[in-house]
């Protein structure tokens, strides 16, 4: 008799898969993923499923949001524009951590949760989830400080959109 899988089983499987993909990124492009490695990673379809171009522009970002991958068309195959807040344009060393978080949304769409994004980014950078989360919070706090504390950001939770 076949085993009936639950939604929890599917989520657990996805989380394991994103962690394995993060480790693959670490082994292929790490341990220090800088701007150059990030550009190579974005062109690697074994790691980033759909074409993705980084644009430093806050037009399509929510207040306090550090990055967002906007679909270029109605199908994922049309690719994505990864909008990154322009405050990070002069801090290119910070950009890989922000983009890695969003790659999960590019690869898995709404099936991925914020936990999956943290798991992937942490694994790709060789960090614990707590270390990676703290790094994201620090960058989100930069945005709040820039907005004079009025950007609608409360802790790290406002730095990004995600499925969960």
C-alpha atoms as a PDB file:
ATOM      1  CA  UNK A   1       0.000   0.000   0.000  1.00  0.00           C
ATOM      2  CA  UNK A   2       1.332   3.448  -0.946  1.00  0.00           C
ATOM      3  CA  UNK A   3       2.252   5.902   1.780  1.00  0.00           C
ATOM      4  CA  UNK A   4       0.196   9.094   1.776  1.00  0.00           C
ATOM      5  CA  UNK A   5       2.465  12.138   1.994  1.00  0.00           C
ATOM      6  CA  UNK A   6       1.361  15.224   3.895  1.00  0.00           C
ATOM      7  CA  UNK A   7       1.987  18.920   3.280  1.00  0.00           C
ATOM      8  CA  UNK A   8       4.462  18.735   6.157  1.00  0.00           C
ATOM      9  CA  UNK A   9       6.350  15.965   4.360  1.00  0.00           C
ATOM     10  CA  UNK A  10       6.517  18.105   1.215  1.00  0.00           C
ATOM     11  CA  UNK A  11       7.789  21.121   3.173  1.00  0.00           C
ATOM     12  CA  UNK A  12      10.409  19.005   4.924  1.00  0.00           C
ATOM     13  CA  UNK A  13      11.539  17.654   1.558  1.00  0.00           C
ATOM     14  CA  UNK A  14      11.768  21.167   0.081  1.00  0.00           C
ATOM     15  CA  UNK A  15      13.757  22.416   3.068  1.00  0.00           C
ATOM     16  CA  UNK A  16      16.214  19.532   2.713  1.00  0.00           C
ATOM     17  CA  UNK A  17      16.501  20.249  -1.002  1.00  0.00           C
ATOM     18  CA  UNK A  18      17.180  23.988  -0.572  1.00  0.00           C
ATOM     19  CA  UNK A  19      19.821  23.221   2.049  1.00  0.00           C
ATOM     20  CA  UNK A  20      21.515  20.764  -0.337  1.00  0.00           C
ATOM     21  CA  UNK A  21      21.404  23.401  -3.099  1.00  0.00           C
ATOM     22  CA  UNK A  22      22.890  25.963  -0.709  1.00  0.00           C
ATOM     23  CA  UNK A  23      25.748  23.606   0.113  1.00  0.00           C
ATOM     24  CA  UNK A  24      26.247  23.050  -3.631  1.00  0.00           C
ATOM     25  CA  UNK A  25      26.565  26.842  -4.079  1.00  0.00           C
ATOM     26  CA  UNK A  26      29.052  27.028  -1.193  1.00  0.00           C
ATOM     27  CA  UNK A  27      31.215  24.276  -2.689  1.00  0.00           C
ATOM     28  CA  UNK A  28      31.070  25.737  -6.186  1.00  0.00           C
ATOM     29  CA  UNK A  29      31.347  29.490  -5.476  1.00  0.00           C
ATOM     30  CA  UNK A  30      32.395  29.856  -1.840  1.00  0.00           C
ATOM     31  CA  UNK A  31      33.494  30.120   0.774  1.00  0.00           C
ATOM     32  CA  UNK A  32      33.598  33.879   0.106  1.00  0.00           C
ATOM     33  CA  UNK A  33      30.856  34.796  -2.372  1.00  0.00           C
ATOM     34  CA  UNK A  34      31.594  38.280  -3.636  1.00  0.00           C
ATOM     35  CA  UNK A  35      30.191  40.328  -6.518  1.00  0.00           C
ATOM     36  CA  UNK A  36      32.046  38.349  -9.201  1.00  0.00           C
ATOM     37  CA  UNK A  37      30.993  34.979  -7.799  1.00  0.00           C
ATOM     38  CA  UNK A  38      27.415  36.222  -7.481  1.00  0.00           C
ATOM     39  CA  UNK A  39      27.341  37.160 -11.177  1.00  0.00           C
ATOM     40  CA  UNK A  40      28.652  33.692 -12.103  1.00  0.00           C
ATOM     41  CA  UNK A  41      26.097  32.070  -9.796  1.00  0.00           C
ATOM     42  CA  UNK A  42      23.209  33.979 -11.376  1.00  0.00           C
ATOM     43  CA  UNK A  43      24.284  32.640 -14.786  1.00  0.00           C
ATOM     44  CA  UNK A  44      24.476  29.034 -13.518  1.00  0.00           C
ATOM     45  CA  UNK A  45      21.164  27.282 -14.284  1.00  0.00           C
ATOM     46  CA  UNK A  46      22.093  24.383 -12.014  1.00  0.00           C
ATOM     47  CA  UNK A  47      21.880  26.818  -9.075  1.00  0.00           C
ATOM     48  CA  UNK A  48      19.543  29.591 -10.240  1.00  0.00           C
ATOM     49  CA  UNK A  49      16.769  28.069 -12.271  1.00  0.00           C
ATOM     50  CA  UNK A  50      15.773  31.184 -14.250  1.00  0.00           C
ATOM     51  CA  UNK A  51      17.703  34.133 -15.665  1.00  0.00           C
ATOM     52  CA  UNK A  52      18.108  36.878 -13.108  1.00  0.00           C
ATOM     53  CA  UNK A  53      19.624  40.348 -13.494  1.00  0.00           C
ATOM     54  CA  UNK A  54      20.447  42.658 -10.569  1.00  0.00           C
ATOM     55  CA  UNK A  55      19.195  46.248 -10.770  1.00  0.00           C
ATOM     56  CA  UNK A  56      19.814  48.753  -7.978  1.00  0.00           C
ATOM     57  CA  UNK A  57      16.429  50.451  -7.816  1.00  0.00           C
ATOM     58  CA  UNK A  58      13.922  50.759  -4.968  1.00  0.00           C
ATOM     59  CA  UNK A  59      10.944  51.559  -7.210  1.00  0.00           C
ATOM     60  CA  UNK A  60       9.514  48.039  -6.896  1.00  0.00           C
ATOM     61  CA  UNK A  61      10.500  47.469  -3.261  1.00  0.00           C
ATOM     62  CA  UNK A  62       8.224  47.760  -0.264  1.00  0.00           C
ATOM     63  CA  UNK A  63       9.303  50.193   2.476  1.00  0.00           C
ATOM     64  CA  UNK A  64      12.230  48.661   4.337  1.00  0.00           C
ATOM     65  CA  UNK A  65      12.658  45.845   1.793  1.00  0.00           C
ATOM     66  CA  UNK A  66      16.249  45.107   0.740  1.00  0.00           C
ATOM     67  CA  UNK A  67      15.588  43.070  -2.431  1.00  0.00           C
ATOM     68  CA  UNK A  68      12.839  41.544  -4.514  1.00  0.00           C
ATOM     69  CA  UNK A  69      12.892  39.339  -7.640  1.00  0.00           C
ATOM     70  CA  UNK A  70      10.228  40.667 -10.001  1.00  0.00           C
ATOM     71  CA  UNK A  71       9.146  38.347 -12.824  1.00  0.00           C
ATOM     72  CA  UNK A  72       9.842  39.776 -16.296  1.00  0.00           C
ATOM     73  CA  UNK A  73       6.762  38.120 -17.757  1.00  0.00           C
ATOM     74  CA  UNK A  74       3.926  35.727 -17.031  1.00  0.00           C
ATOM     75  CA  UNK A  75       6.136  32.605 -16.997  1.00  0.00           C
ATOM     76  CA  UNK A  76       9.219  32.032 -14.809  1.00  0.00           C
ATOM     77  CA  UNK A  77      11.138  31.156 -17.978  1.00  0.00           C
ATOM     78  CA  UNK A  78      10.893  34.849 -18.929  1.00  0.00           C
ATOM     79  CA  UNK A  79      13.387  35.506 -16.130  1.00  0.00           C
ATOM     80  CA  UNK A  80      13.524  37.913 -13.215  1.00  0.00           C
ATOM     81  CA  UNK A  81      14.835  41.350 -12.400  1.00  0.00           C
ATOM     82  CA  UNK A  82      16.360  41.281  -8.938  1.00  0.00           C
ATOM     83  CA  UNK A  83      15.677  44.731  -7.554  1.00  0.00           C
ATOM     84  CA  UNK A  84      18.163  45.559  -4.794  1.00  0.00           C
ATOM     85  CA  UNK A  85      17.839  48.687  -2.689  1.00  0.00           C
ATOM     86  CA  UNK A  86      20.283  51.298  -4.045  1.00  0.00           C
ATOM     87  CA  UNK A  87      21.750  51.911  -0.597  1.00  0.00           C
ATOM     88  CA  UNK A  88      23.700  48.680  -1.220  1.00  0.00           C
ATOM     89  CA  UNK A  89      25.120  49.835  -4.570  1.00  0.00           C
ATOM     90  CA  UNK A  90      28.247  51.075  -2.835  1.00  0.00           C
ATOM     91  CA  UNK A  91      28.314  48.050  -0.521  1.00  0.00           C
ATOM     92  CA  UNK A  92      28.611  45.321  -3.134  1.00  0.00           C
ATOM     93  CA  UNK A  93      30.052  42.955  -0.525  1.00  0.00           C
ATOM     94  CA  UNK A  94      26.622  42.957   1.166  1.00  0.00           C
ATOM     95  CA  UNK A  95      24.663  42.169  -1.978  1.00  0.00           C
ATOM     96  CA  UNK A  96      25.333  38.406  -2.260  1.00  0.00           C
ATOM     97  CA  UNK A  97      23.736  37.673   1.122  1.00  0.00           C
ATOM     98  CA  UNK A  98      20.648  39.694   0.170  1.00  0.00           C
ATOM     99  CA  UNK A  99      20.316  38.109  -3.266  1.00  0.00           C
ATOM    100  CA  UNK A 100      20.899  34.574  -1.961  1.00  0.00           C
ATOM    101  CA  UNK A 101      17.838  34.981   0.238  1.00  0.00           C
ATOM    102  CA  UNK A 102      15.745  35.865  -2.815  1.00  0.00           C
ATOM    103  CA  UNK A 103      17.096  33.087  -5.063  1.00  0.00           C
ATOM    104  CA  UNK A 104      14.760  30.670  -3.282  1.00  0.00           C
ATOM    105  CA  UNK A 105      11.791  32.711  -4.537  1.00  0.00           C
ATOM    106  CA  UNK A 106      13.230  32.614  -8.068  1.00  0.00           C
ATOM    107  CA  UNK A 107      13.796  28.859  -7.942  1.00  0.00           C
ATOM    108  CA  UNK A 108      10.683  27.689  -6.064  1.00  0.00           C
ATOM    109  CA  UNK A 109       8.187  30.536  -6.192  1.00  0.00           C
ATOM    110  CA  UNK A 110       5.500  30.678  -3.536  1.00  0.00           C
ATOM    111  CA  UNK A 111       6.272  27.120  -2.391  1.00  0.00           C
ATOM    112  CA  UNK A 112       9.334  28.405  -0.540  1.00  0.00           C
ATOM    113  CA  UNK A 113       9.072  29.972   2.887  1.00  0.00           C
ATOM    114  CA  UNK A 114      11.235  32.486   4.702  1.00  0.00           C
ATOM    115  CA  UNK A 115      12.696  29.517   6.602  1.00  0.00           C
ATOM    116  CA  UNK A 116      13.724  27.958   3.277  1.00  0.00           C
ATOM    117  CA  UNK A 117      15.308  31.239   2.179  1.00  0.00           C
ATOM    118  CA  UNK A 118      17.283  31.453   5.426  1.00  0.00           C
ATOM    119  CA  UNK A 119      18.322  27.814   5.149  1.00  0.00           C
ATOM    120  CA  UNK A 120      19.540  28.273   1.560  1.00  0.00           C
ATOM    121  CA  UNK A 121      21.383  31.539   2.193  1.00  0.00           C
ATOM    122  CA  UNK A 122      23.049  30.264   5.356  1.00  0.00           C
ATOM    123  CA  UNK A 123      24.205  27.057   3.671  1.00  0.00           C
ATOM    124  CA  UNK A 124      25.489  28.955   0.606  1.00  0.00           C
ATOM    125  CA  UNK A 125      27.562  31.264   2.811  1.00  0.00           C
ATOM    126  CA  UNK A 126      28.703  28.566   5.247  1.00  0.00           C
ATOM    127  CA  UNK A 127      26.911  30.218   8.150  1.00  0.00           C
ATOM    128  CA  UNK A 128      24.447  29.004  10.742  1.00  0.00           C
ATOM    129  CA  UNK A 129      20.868  30.160  10.222  1.00  0.00           C
ATOM    130  CA  UNK A 130      21.193  32.391  13.275  1.00  0.00           C
ATOM    131  CA  UNK A 131      24.340  34.053  11.864  1.00  0.00           C
ATOM    132  CA  UNK A 132      22.685  34.567   8.487  1.00  0.00           C
ATOM    133  CA  UNK A 133      19.505  35.932  10.051  1.00  0.00           C
ATOM    134  CA  UNK A 134      21.576  38.390  12.113  1.00  0.00           C
ATOM    135  CA  UNK A 135      23.358  39.511   8.941  1.00  0.00           C
ATOM    136  CA  UNK A 136      20.020  40.118   7.186  1.00  0.00           C
ATOM    137  CA  UNK A 137      18.702  42.010  10.205  1.00  0.00           C
ATOM    138  CA  UNK A 138      21.763  44.256  10.191  1.00  0.00           C
ATOM    139  CA  UNK A 139      21.164  45.124   6.534  1.00  0.00           C
ATOM    140  CA  UNK A 140      17.442  45.705   7.130  1.00  0.00           C
ATOM    141  CA  UNK A 141      18.290  47.974  10.049  1.00  0.00           C
ATOM    142  CA  UNK A 142      20.453  50.019   7.633  1.00  0.00           C
ATOM    143  CA  UNK A 143      17.338  50.689   5.586  1.00  0.00           C
ATOM    144  CA  UNK A 144      15.346  51.669   8.653  1.00  0.00           C
ATOM    145  CA  UNK A 145      18.108  54.071   9.703  1.00  0.00           C
ATOM    146  CA  UNK A 146      18.181  55.596   6.225  1.00  0.00           C
ATOM    147  CA  UNK A 147      14.427  56.143   6.391  1.00  0.00           C
ATOM    148  CA  UNK A 148      14.802  57.786   9.792  1.00  0.00           C
ATOM    149  CA  UNK A 149      13.047  54.871  11.435  1.00  0.00           C
ATOM    150  CA  UNK A 150       9.879  55.578   9.465  1.00  0.00           C
ATOM    151  CA  UNK A 151      10.240  52.914   6.797  1.00  0.00           C
ATOM    152  CA  UNK A 152       7.797  50.516   8.380  1.00  0.00           C
ATOM    153  CA  UNK A 153      10.532  48.092   9.345  1.00  0.00           C
ATOM    154  CA  UNK A 154      10.269  46.290  12.644  1.00  0.00           C
ATOM    155  CA  UNK A 155      13.383  44.225  13.165  1.00  0.00           C
ATOM    156  CA  UNK A 156      14.333  41.931  10.307  1.00  0.00           C
ATOM    157  CA  UNK A 157      10.823  40.966   9.301  1.00  0.00           C
ATOM    158  CA  UNK A 158      10.386  43.904   6.942  1.00  0.00           C
ATOM    159  CA  UNK A 159      13.470  43.308   4.814  1.00  0.00           C
ATOM    160  CA  UNK A 160      11.962  41.029   2.224  1.00  0.00           C
ATOM    161  CA  UNK A 161       8.893  39.356   0.762  1.00  0.00           C
ATOM    162  CA  UNK A 162       8.657  35.618   0.960  1.00  0.00           C
ATOM    163  CA  UNK A 163       6.180  32.820   0.736  1.00  0.00           C
ATOM    164  CA  UNK A 164       5.866  32.060   4.400  1.00  0.00           C
END
